[in-house]
Amino acid sequence: MGRVTERRRTIRIRDGAVSARPDTLVAEEPLEIRLNGRPLAVTMRTPGDDFALATGFLVSEGVIGAADEVRTIAYCAGATAEGVNTYNVVNVRLAPGVPVPDFGLERHVYTTSSCGLCGKTSLDAVRTTARFPIADTPPVRLEPALLATLPDRLREAQRVFDRTGGLHAAALFSEDGDLLDVREDVGRHNAVDKLIGRAVGSGGLPLSRAVLLVSGRASFELAQKAVMAGIPVLAAVSAPSSLAVDLAAETGLTLIGFLRGENMNVYAGEHRVALGTEV
């Protein structure tokens, strides 16, 4: 199986001094996800947690919502002409009775890496396929001071980033600020799918009392994944996209961007943030 990191020779220039030395890089390899033996999607990912990644992807696409809807997950043997297992092809077999989605261009998969739908069509697709409407009763209530601590705690948990400087991360926190899980990957969307897939394995969906924090920006795709897993709060250290804000407003998701220190922007769902004043 591919490693999380690899070593490559590099020329270093520091203060005018030139030297050759190996550098530690994050590994990036393709993962093909098959459903009942048929190709469904290919994503570039950091090897590791591949079964969780595949499971989380299927949750994000509305194919499954619980662990008992998956019969088996396995690497496909003989993935090369020589019959060598690359550990880069995963086949998910659904349990009997679980409907298999249409694999045509009009299928329900609406992420940016698949059919390319956008705007209102994408919003409608999420709303109509979400199994876990965001219904945290009573609503999760977060103090800005607690939110301000989360990015540093995520950064402290990024073990591979410390060695490579080249990974995104996503973390789940409880409403009290406890770190529940964290995953790293070359793609933010993969890190989130790995979190969701691991939660499926422990019977944790919907994640109706959790806060999802992502490094970088909050795209429509990440907001979609939060909604599909029933997560009520998505926070990002950078900006959201306009469609992510629209999706948050449409579904009741609390969306926070530019979460840096005590500063943050609340774009939707402000009722879950203890603002202390009327705005």
C-alpha atoms as a PDB file:
ATOM      1  CA  MET A   1       0.000   0.000   0.000  1.00  0.00           C
ATOM      2  CA  GLY A   2       1.168   3.532  -0.694  1.00  0.00           C
ATOM      3  CA  ARG A   3       2.749   5.363   2.185  1.00  0.00           C
ATOM      4  CA  VAL A   4       1.501   8.617   3.640  1.00  0.00           C
ATOM      5  CA  THR A   5       4.864  10.259   2.949  1.00  0.00           C
ATOM      6  CA  GLU A   6       7.703   9.729   0.478  1.00  0.00           C
ATOM      7  CA  ARG A   7      11.267  10.987   0.189  1.00  0.00           C
ATOM      8  CA  ARG A   8      12.591  12.944  -2.796  1.00  0.00           C
ATOM      9  CA  ARG A   9      15.944  14.573  -3.503  1.00  0.00           C
ATOM     10  CA  THR A  10      15.860  18.365  -3.450  1.00  0.00           C
ATOM     11  CA  ILE A  11      18.310  21.231  -3.843  1.00  0.00           C
ATOM     12  CA  ARG A  12      18.143  23.593  -0.892  1.00  0.00           C
ATOM     13  CA  ILE A  13      19.180  27.218  -1.077  1.00  0.00           C
ATOM     14  CA  ARG A  14      19.458  28.891   2.312  1.00  0.00           C
ATOM     15  CA  ASP A  15      21.081  32.291   2.764  1.00  0.00           C
ATOM     16  CA  GLY A  16      23.061  31.755  -0.457  1.00  0.00           C
ATOM     17  CA  ALA A  17      24.329  28.296   0.561  1.00  0.00           C
ATOM     18  CA  VAL A  18      23.395  25.429  -1.790  1.00  0.00           C
ATOM     19  CA  SER A  19      23.081  21.822  -0.645  1.00  0.00           C
ATOM     20  CA  ALA A  20      21.437  18.578  -1.766  1.00  0.00           C
ATOM     21  CA  ARG A  21      19.320  16.600   0.649  1.00  0.00           C
ATOM     22  CA  PRO A  22      16.195  14.427   0.764  1.00  0.00           C
ATOM     23  CA  ASP A  23      12.894  16.061   1.589  1.00  0.00           C
ATOM     24  CA  THR A  24       9.754  14.481   3.031  1.00  0.00           C
ATOM     25  CA  LEU A  25       6.714  14.944   0.806  1.00  0.00           C
ATOM     26  CA  VAL A  26       3.105  13.976   1.264  1.00  0.00           C
ATOM     27  CA  ALA A  27       2.119  11.051  -0.959  1.00  0.00           C
ATOM     28  CA  GLU A  28      -0.578  11.578  -3.564  1.00  0.00           C
ATOM     29  CA  GLU A  29      -2.147   8.681  -5.438  1.00  0.00           C
ATOM     30  CA  PRO A  30      -5.450   8.118  -7.252  1.00  0.00           C
ATOM     31  CA  LEU A  31      -8.223   6.163  -5.601  1.00  0.00           C
ATOM     32  CA  GLU A  32     -10.913   4.675  -7.825  1.00  0.00           C
ATOM     33  CA  ILE A  33     -14.155   3.982  -6.008  1.00  0.00           C
ATOM     34  CA  ARG A  34     -16.311   1.255  -7.530  1.00  0.00           C
ATOM     35  CA  LEU A  35     -19.883   0.491  -6.522  1.00  0.00           C
ATOM     36  CA  ASN A  36     -20.994  -3.113  -6.961  1.00  0.00           C
ATOM     37  CA  GLY A  37     -18.086  -3.574  -9.341  1.00  0.00           C
ATOM     38  CA  ARG A  38     -18.801  -0.536 -11.551  1.00  0.00           C
ATOM     39  CA  PRO A  39     -16.578   2.580 -11.592  1.00  0.00           C
ATOM     40  CA  LEU A  40     -18.152   5.485  -9.727  1.00  0.00           C
ATOM     41  CA  ALA A  41     -15.470   8.106  -9.060  1.00  0.00           C
ATOM     42  CA  VAL A  42     -11.737   8.752  -8.970  1.00  0.00           C
ATOM     43  CA  THR A  43     -10.157  11.094  -6.453  1.00  0.00           C
ATOM     44  CA  MET A  44      -6.560  12.059  -5.784  1.00  0.00           C
ATOM     45  CA  ARG A  45      -5.884  11.338  -2.141  1.00  0.00           C
ATOM     46  CA  THR A  46      -3.273  10.650   0.503  1.00  0.00           C
ATOM     47  CA  PRO A  47      -3.246   6.845   1.012  1.00  0.00           C
ATOM     48  CA  GLY A  48      -4.778   5.721   4.275  1.00  0.00           C
ATOM     49  CA  ASP A  49      -8.327   5.398   5.637  1.00  0.00           C
ATOM     50  CA  ASP A  50      -9.377   4.424   2.115  1.00  0.00           C
ATOM     51  CA  PHE A  51     -12.407   2.433   3.233  1.00  0.00           C
ATOM     52  CA  ALA A  52     -13.553   5.355   5.389  1.00  0.00           C
ATOM     53  CA  LEU A  53     -12.979   7.684   2.441  1.00  0.00           C
ATOM     54  CA  ALA A  54     -15.128   5.524   0.169  1.00  0.00           C
ATOM     55  CA  THR A  55     -17.840   5.222   2.811  1.00  0.00           C
ATOM     56  CA  GLY A  56     -17.868   8.952   3.492  1.00  0.00           C
ATOM     57  CA  PHE A  57     -18.023   9.689  -0.226  1.00  0.00           C
ATOM     58  CA  LEU A  58     -21.104   7.493  -0.565  1.00  0.00           C
ATOM     59  CA  VAL A  59     -22.733   9.298   2.362  1.00  0.00           C
ATOM     60  CA  SER A  60     -21.899  12.653   0.771  1.00  0.00           C
ATOM     61  CA  GLU A  61     -23.520  11.515  -2.477  1.00  0.00           C
ATOM     62  CA  GLY A  62     -26.658  10.225  -0.759  1.00  0.00           C
ATOM     63  CA  VAL A  63     -26.058   6.574  -1.648  1.00  0.00           C
ATOM     64  CA  ILE A  64     -25.889   5.294   1.946  1.00  0.00           C
ATOM     65  CA  GLY A  65     -26.614   6.598   5.403  1.00  0.00           C
ATOM     66  CA  ALA A  66     -25.666   3.763   7.738  1.00  0.00           C
ATOM     67  CA  ALA A  67     -23.070   1.021   8.089  1.00  0.00           C
ATOM     68  CA  ASP A  68     -25.565  -1.800   7.559  1.00  0.00           C
ATOM     69  CA  GLU A  69     -26.231  -0.545   4.024  1.00  0.00           C
ATOM     70  CA  VAL A  70     -22.736  -1.691   3.031  1.00  0.00           C
ATOM     71  CA  ARG A  71     -22.168  -5.404   2.572  1.00  0.00           C
ATOM     72  CA  THR A  72     -18.409  -5.354   1.941  1.00  0.00           C
ATOM     73  CA  ILE A  73     -15.561  -2.990   1.137  1.00  0.00           C
ATOM     74  CA  ALA A  74     -12.390  -4.413  -0.329  1.00  0.00           C
ATOM     75  CA  TYR A  75      -9.380  -3.493  -2.420  1.00  0.00           C
ATOM     76  CA  CYS A  76      -9.595  -4.886  -5.932  1.00  0.00           C
ATOM     77  CA  ALA A  77      -6.933  -7.505  -6.561  1.00  0.00           C
ATOM     78  CA  GLY A  78      -5.233  -7.680  -9.928  1.00  0.00           C
ATOM     79  CA  ALA A  79      -5.618  -3.981 -10.616  1.00  0.00           C
ATOM     80  CA  THR A  80      -2.712  -4.026 -13.086  1.00  0.00           C
ATOM     81  CA  ALA A  81      -1.994  -6.099 -16.185  1.00  0.00           C
ATOM     82  CA  GLU A  82       0.526  -8.057 -14.132  1.00  0.00           C
ATOM     83  CA  GLY A  83      -2.126  -8.871 -11.544  1.00  0.00           C
ATOM     84  CA  VAL A  84      -0.516  -6.697  -8.846  1.00  0.00           C
ATOM     85  CA  ASN A  85      -2.769  -5.089  -6.267  1.00  0.00           C
ATOM     86  CA  THR A  86      -2.099  -1.345  -6.309  1.00  0.00           C
ATOM     87  CA  TYR A  87      -4.358  -0.674  -3.314  1.00  0.00           C
ATOM     88  CA  ASN A  88      -5.710   2.218  -5.358  1.00  0.00           C
ATOM     89  CA  VAL A  89      -9.031   0.627  -6.364  1.00  0.00           C
ATOM     90  CA  VAL A  90     -11.756   0.055  -3.784  1.00  0.00           C
ATOM     91  CA  ASN A  91     -14.982  -1.811  -4.476  1.00  0.00           C
ATOM     92  CA  VAL A  92     -18.015  -1.204  -2.276  1.00  0.00           C
ATOM     93  CA  ARG A  93     -20.823  -3.748  -2.427  1.00  0.00           C
ATOM     94  CA  LEU A  94     -24.140  -2.548  -1.108  1.00  0.00           C
ATOM     95  CA  ALA A  95     -26.285  -4.690   1.150  1.00  0.00           C
ATOM     96  CA  PRO A  96     -29.254  -6.491  -0.426  1.00  0.00           C
ATOM     97  CA  GLY A  97     -32.168  -4.144  -0.954  1.00  0.00           C
ATOM     98  CA  VAL A  98     -30.108  -0.940  -0.994  1.00  0.00           C
ATOM     99  CA  PRO A  99     -30.841   0.834  -4.294  1.00  0.00           C
ATOM    100  CA  VAL A 100     -27.937   1.371  -6.660  1.00  0.00           C
ATOM    101  CA  PRO A 101     -27.905   4.888  -8.138  1.00  0.00           C
ATOM    102  CA  ASP A 102     -28.095   5.533 -11.848  1.00  0.00           C
ATOM    103  CA  PHE A 103     -24.577   5.791 -13.233  1.00  0.00           C
ATOM    104  CA  GLY A 104     -25.593   8.016 -16.157  1.00  0.00           C
ATOM    105  CA  LEU A 105     -24.859  11.712 -16.509  1.00  0.00           C
ATOM    106  CA  GLU A 106     -28.208  12.534 -14.908  1.00  0.00           C
ATOM    107  CA  ARG A 107     -27.466  10.582 -11.752  1.00  0.00           C
ATOM    108  CA  HIS A 108     -27.750  12.347  -8.417  1.00  0.00           C
ATOM    109  CA  VAL A 109     -23.987  12.874  -8.023  1.00  0.00           C
ATOM    110  CA  TYR A 110     -23.596  16.630  -8.121  1.00  0.00           C
ATOM    111  CA  THR A 111     -20.162  17.360  -6.681  1.00  0.00           C
ATOM    112  CA  THR A 112     -17.719  19.506  -8.614  1.00  0.00           C
ATOM    113  CA  SER A 113     -15.745  16.412  -9.621  1.00  0.00           C
ATOM    114  CA  SER A 114     -18.686  14.660 -11.227  1.00  0.00           C
ATOM    115  CA  CYS A 115     -21.594  15.913 -13.322  1.00  0.00           C
ATOM    116  CA  GLY A 116     -20.841  19.617 -13.078  1.00  0.00           C
ATOM    117  CA  LEU A 117     -24.277  20.835 -12.053  1.00  0.00           C
ATOM    118  CA  CYS A 118     -24.312  24.242 -10.407  1.00  0.00           C
ATOM    119  CA  GLY A 119     -26.447  26.969  -8.925  1.00  0.00           C
ATOM    120  CA  LYS A 120     -30.039  26.207  -7.979  1.00  0.00           C
ATOM    121  CA  THR A 121     -29.827  22.682  -9.416  1.00  0.00           C
ATOM    122  CA  SER A 122     -27.084  21.804  -6.948  1.00  0.00           C
ATOM    123  CA  LEU A 123     -29.008  23.321  -4.029  1.00  0.00           C
ATOM    124  CA  ASP A 124     -32.122  21.368  -4.969  1.00  0.00           C
ATOM    125  CA  ALA A 125     -30.120  18.158  -5.286  1.00  0.00           C
ATOM    126  CA  VAL A 126     -28.718  18.453  -1.758  1.00  0.00           C
ATOM    127  CA  ARG A 127     -32.075  19.363  -0.267  1.00  0.00           C
ATOM    128  CA  THR A 128     -33.892  16.464  -1.894  1.00  0.00           C
ATOM    129  CA  THR A 129     -31.273  13.777  -1.171  1.00  0.00           C
ATOM    130  CA  ALA A 130     -30.185  14.718   2.374  1.00  0.00           C
ATOM    131  CA  ARG A 131     -31.143  11.919   4.747  1.00  0.00           C
ATOM    132  CA  PHE A 132     -30.387  13.850   7.907  1.00  0.00           C
ATOM    133  CA  PRO A 133     -32.051  17.269   7.965  1.00  0.00           C
ATOM    134  CA  ILE A 134     -30.149  19.557  10.299  1.00  0.00           C
ATOM    135  CA  ALA A 135     -32.339  19.324  13.374  1.00  0.00           C
ATOM    136  CA  ASP A 136     -30.211  19.885  16.481  1.00  0.00           C
ATOM    137  CA  THR A 137     -32.844  20.312  19.208  1.00  0.00           C
ATOM    138  CA  PRO A 138     -32.028  22.236  21.286  1.00  0.00           C
ATOM    139  CA  PRO A 139     -29.701  24.028  18.868  1.00  0.00           C
ATOM    140  CA  VAL A 140     -25.962  23.738  19.350  1.00  0.00           C
ATOM    141  CA  ARG A 141     -24.827  26.975  21.025  1.00  0.00           C
ATOM    142  CA  LEU A 142     -21.222  28.064  20.611  1.00  0.00           C
ATOM    143  CA  GLU A 143     -19.338  30.876  22.306  1.00  0.00           C
ATOM    144  CA  PRO A 144     -17.039  32.862  19.994  1.00  0.00           C
ATOM    145  CA  ALA A 145     -14.237  32.349  22.520  1.00  0.00           C
ATOM    146  CA  LEU A 146     -14.583  28.573  22.147  1.00  0.00           C
ATOM    147  CA  LEU A 147     -14.628  28.783  18.346  1.00  0.00           C
ATOM    148  CA  ALA A 148     -11.458  30.887  18.464  1.00  0.00           C
ATOM    149  CA  THR A 149      -9.538  28.012  20.085  1.00  0.00           C
ATOM    150  CA  LEU A 150     -10.387  25.399  17.455  1.00  0.00           C
ATOM    151  CA  PRO A 151      -7.951  26.273  14.614  1.00  0.00           C
ATOM    152  CA  ASP A 152      -4.912  26.026  16.891  1.00  0.00           C
ATOM    153  CA  ARG A 153      -6.148  22.707  18.239  1.00  0.00           C
ATOM    154  CA  LEU A 154      -6.604  21.420  14.699  1.00  0.00           C
ATOM    155  CA  ARG A 155      -3.120  22.569  13.769  1.00  0.00           C
ATOM    156  CA  GLU A 156      -1.621  20.829  16.818  1.00  0.00           C
ATOM    157  CA  ALA A 157      -3.237  17.563  15.706  1.00  0.00           C
ATOM    158  CA  GLN A 158      -1.796  17.682  12.162  1.00  0.00           C
ATOM    159  CA  ARG A 159       1.020  15.158  12.587  1.00  0.00           C
ATOM    160  CA  VAL A 160       1.810  14.618   8.922  1.00  0.00           C
ATOM    161  CA  PHE A 161       1.647  18.341   8.135  1.00  0.00           C
ATOM    162  CA  ASP A 162       4.473  18.863  10.629  1.00  0.00           C
ATOM    163  CA  ARG A 163       6.652  16.597   8.477  1.00  0.00           C
ATOM    164  CA  THR A 164       5.576  17.747   5.020  1.00  0.00           C
ATOM    165  CA  GLY A 165       3.834  21.131   5.179  1.00  0.00           C
ATOM    166  CA  GLY A 166       1.609  19.884   2.367  1.00  0.00           C
ATOM    167  CA  LEU A 167      -1.661  18.591   3.781  1.00  0.00           C
ATOM    168  CA  HIS A 168      -5.128  19.903   4.442  1.00  0.00           C
ATOM    169  CA  ALA A 169      -7.016  18.792   7.514  1.00  0.00           C
ATOM    170  CA  ALA A 170     -10.541  18.451   8.838  1.00  0.00           C
ATOM    171  CA  ALA A 171     -11.649  17.857  12.394  1.00  0.00           C
ATOM    172  CA  LEU A 172     -14.825  17.127  14.300  1.00  0.00           C
ATOM    173  CA  PHE A 173     -15.351  18.827  17.641  1.00  0.00           C
ATOM    174  CA  SER A 174     -18.104  18.411  20.182  1.00  0.00           C
ATOM    175  CA  GLU A 175     -20.251  21.400  21.065  1.00  0.00           C
ATOM    176  CA  ASP A 176     -18.122  21.680  24.212  1.00  0.00           C
ATOM    177  CA  GLY A 177     -14.937  21.939  22.160  1.00  0.00           C
ATOM    178  CA  ASP A 178     -13.661  18.396  22.645  1.00  0.00           C
ATOM    179  CA  LEU A 179     -11.679  17.071  19.672  1.00  0.00           C
ATOM    180  CA  LEU A 180     -13.526  13.990  18.424  1.00  0.00           C
ATOM    181  CA  ASP A 181     -11.528  13.075  15.326  1.00  0.00           C
ATOM    182  CA  VAL A 182      -9.116  14.582  12.816  1.00  0.00           C
ATOM    183  CA  ARG A 183      -7.972  13.456   9.371  1.00  0.00           C
ATOM    184  CA  GLU A 184      -5.367  14.819   6.959  1.00  0.00           C
ATOM    185  CA  ASP A 185      -5.282  14.554   3.174  1.00  0.00           C
ATOM    186  CA  VAL A 186      -4.047  16.380   0.085  1.00  0.00           C
ATOM    187  CA  GLY A 187      -7.701  17.252  -0.514  1.00  0.00           C
ATOM    188  CA  ARG A 188      -9.962  18.908   2.052  1.00  0.00           C
ATOM    189  CA  HIS A 189     -12.942  17.039   0.633  1.00  0.00           C
ATOM    190  CA  ASN A 190     -11.149  13.713   1.150  1.00  0.00           C
ATOM    191  CA  ALA A 191     -10.301  14.600   4.753  1.00  0.00           C
ATOM    192  CA  VAL A 192     -13.979  15.341   5.402  1.00  0.00           C
ATOM    193  CA  ASP A 193     -15.096  12.115   3.717  1.00  0.00           C
ATOM    194  CA  LYS A 194     -12.664  10.178   5.890  1.00  0.00           C
ATOM    195  CA  LEU A 195     -14.160  11.772   9.008  1.00  0.00           C
ATOM    196  CA  ILE A 196     -17.698  10.983   7.909  1.00  0.00           C
ATOM    197  CA  GLY A 197     -16.792   7.445   6.877  1.00  0.00           C
ATOM    198  CA  ARG A 198     -15.202   6.769  10.258  1.00  0.00           C
ATOM    199  CA  ALA A 199     -18.330   8.096  11.945  1.00  0.00           C
ATOM    200  CA  VAL A 200     -20.471   5.719   9.878  1.00  0.00           C
ATOM    201  CA  GLY A 201     -18.346   2.825  11.090  1.00  0.00           C
ATOM    202  CA  SER A 202     -19.044   3.731  14.707  1.00  0.00           C
ATOM    203  CA  GLY A 203     -22.759   4.309  14.136  1.00  0.00           C
ATOM    204  CA  GLY A 204     -22.321   8.042  14.615  1.00  0.00           C
ATOM    205  CA  LEU A 205     -24.624   9.479  11.927  1.00  0.00           C
ATOM    206  CA  PRO A 206     -26.200  11.943  12.001  1.00  0.00           C
ATOM    207  CA  LEU A 207     -23.504  14.103  13.585  1.00  0.00           C
ATOM    208  CA  SER A 208     -26.154  16.438  14.937  1.00  0.00           C
ATOM    209  CA  ARG A 209     -24.122  17.818  17.861  1.00  0.00           C
ATOM    210  CA  ALA A 210     -20.776  18.206  16.069  1.00  0.00           C
ATOM    211  CA  VAL A 211     -18.740  21.092  14.679  1.00  0.00           C
ATOM    212  CA  LEU A 212     -16.763  20.499  11.475  1.00  0.00           C
ATOM    213  CA  LEU A 213     -13.603  22.592  11.053  1.00  0.00           C
ATOM    214  CA  VAL A 214     -11.654  22.611   7.802  1.00  0.00           C
ATOM    215  CA  SER A 215      -8.347  24.147   6.835  1.00  0.00           C
ATOM    216  CA  GLY A 216      -8.541  26.563   3.938  1.00  0.00           C
ATOM    217  CA  ARG A 217     -11.792  27.701   2.376  1.00  0.00           C
ATOM    218  CA  ALA A 218     -15.354  26.409   2.654  1.00  0.00           C
ATOM    219  CA  SER A 219     -16.552  25.367  -0.795  1.00  0.00           C
ATOM    220  CA  PHE A 220     -20.021  24.245  -1.811  1.00  0.00           C
ATOM    221  CA  GLU A 221     -18.719  20.682  -1.826  1.00  0.00           C
ATOM    222  CA  LEU A 222     -17.652  20.866   1.830  1.00  0.00           C
ATOM    223  CA  ALA A 223     -20.920  22.473   2.875  1.00  0.00           C
ATOM    224  CA  GLN A 224     -22.710  19.694   0.990  1.00  0.00           C
ATOM    225  CA  LYS A 225     -20.798  17.026   2.899  1.00  0.00           C
ATOM    226  CA  ALA A 226     -21.626  18.654   6.238  1.00  0.00           C
ATOM    227  CA  VAL A 227     -25.319  18.782   5.363  1.00  0.00           C
ATOM    228  CA  MET A 228     -25.393  15.182   4.142  1.00  0.00           C
ATOM    229  CA  ALA A 229     -23.895  13.999   7.450  1.00  0.00           C
ATOM    230  CA  GLY A 230     -26.316  16.104   9.519  1.00  0.00           C
ATOM    231  CA  ILE A 231     -23.557  18.357  10.874  1.00  0.00           C
ATOM    232  CA  PRO A 232     -25.038  21.675  12.084  1.00  0.00           C
ATOM    233  CA  VAL A 233     -21.881  23.830  12.079  1.00  0.00           C
ATOM    234  CA  LEU A 234     -19.139  24.198   9.457  1.00  0.00           C
ATOM    235  CA  ALA A 235     -16.203  26.498  10.198  1.00  0.00           C
ATOM    236  CA  ALA A 236     -13.259  27.326   7.953  1.00  0.00           C
ATOM    237  CA  VAL A 237     -10.091  29.309   8.454  1.00  0.00           C
ATOM    238  CA  SER A 238     -10.555  30.994   5.078  1.00  0.00           C
ATOM    239  CA  ALA A 239     -13.418  32.263   2.910  1.00  0.00           C
ATOM    240  CA  PRO A 240     -16.576  30.448   1.867  1.00  0.00           C
ATOM    241  CA  SER A 241     -17.876  30.459  -1.676  1.00  0.00           C
ATOM    242  CA  SER A 242     -21.142  32.169  -2.560  1.00  0.00           C
ATOM    243  CA  LEU A 243     -22.835  28.851  -3.303  1.00  0.00           C
ATOM    244  CA  ALA A 244     -21.691  27.447   0.053  1.00  0.00           C
ATOM    245  CA  VAL A 245     -23.385  30.394   1.772  1.00  0.00           C
ATOM    246  CA  ASP A 246     -26.540  29.828  -0.287  1.00  0.00           C
ATOM    247  CA  LEU A 247     -26.584  26.143   0.637  1.00  0.00           C
ATOM    248  CA  ALA A 248     -26.077  26.958   4.333  1.00  0.00           C
ATOM    249  CA  ALA A 249     -28.982  29.413   4.301  1.00  0.00           C
ATOM    250  CA  GLU A 250     -31.153  26.915   2.421  1.00  0.00           C
ATOM    251  CA  THR A 251     -30.524  24.000   4.790  1.00  0.00           C
ATOM    252  CA  GLY A 252     -30.052  25.685   8.171  1.00  0.00           C
ATOM    253  CA  LEU A 253     -26.314  25.035   8.358  1.00  0.00           C
ATOM    254  CA  THR A 254     -24.263  27.456  10.438  1.00  0.00           C
ATOM    255  CA  LEU A 255     -21.374  28.597   8.248  1.00  0.00           C
ATOM    256  CA  ILE A 256     -18.377  30.427   9.706  1.00  0.00           C
ATOM    257  CA  GLY A 257     -15.437  31.699   7.672  1.00  0.00           C
ATOM    258  CA  PHE A 258     -12.146  33.476   8.304  1.00  0.00           C
ATOM    259  CA  LEU A 259     -11.915  31.830  11.732  1.00  0.00           C
ATOM    260  CA  ARG A 260      -8.591  33.247  12.847  1.00  0.00           C
ATOM    261  CA  GLY A 261      -7.969  33.955  16.501  1.00  0.00           C
ATOM    262  CA  GLU A 262     -10.866  35.900  17.943  1.00  0.00           C
ATOM    263  CA  ASN A 263     -11.970  37.104  14.489  1.00  0.00           C
ATOM    264  CA  MET A 264     -14.555  35.312  12.360  1.00  0.00           C
ATOM    265  CA  ASN A 265     -17.396  35.939   9.937  1.00  0.00           C
ATOM    266  CA  VAL A 266     -20.749  34.198  10.430  1.00  0.00           C
ATOM    267  CA  TYR A 267     -22.409  33.842   7.016  1.00  0.00           C
ATOM    268  CA  ALA A 268     -25.477  31.786   7.953  1.00  0.00           C
ATOM    269  CA  GLY A 269     -27.082  30.151  10.970  1.00  0.00           C
ATOM    270  CA  GLU A 270     -26.012  32.838  13.429  1.00  0.00           C
ATOM    271  CA  HIS A 271     -28.541  31.547  15.988  1.00  0.00           C
ATOM    272  CA  ARG A 272     -25.984  28.893  16.981  1.00  0.00           C
ATOM    273  CA  VAL A 273     -23.324  31.492  17.839  1.00  0.00           C
ATOM    274  CA  ALA A 274     -23.674  33.291  21.175  1.00  0.00           C
ATOM    275  CA  LEU A 275     -23.178  36.791  19.796  1.00  0.00           C
ATOM    276  CA  GLY A 276     -24.259  38.538  23.009  1.00  0.00           C
ATOM    277  CA  THR A 277     -25.955  41.325  21.063  1.00  0.00           C
ATOM    278  CA  GLU A 278     -28.641  41.820  18.476  1.00  0.00           C
ATOM    279  CA  VAL A 279     -27.419  42.476  14.916  1.00  0.00           C
END
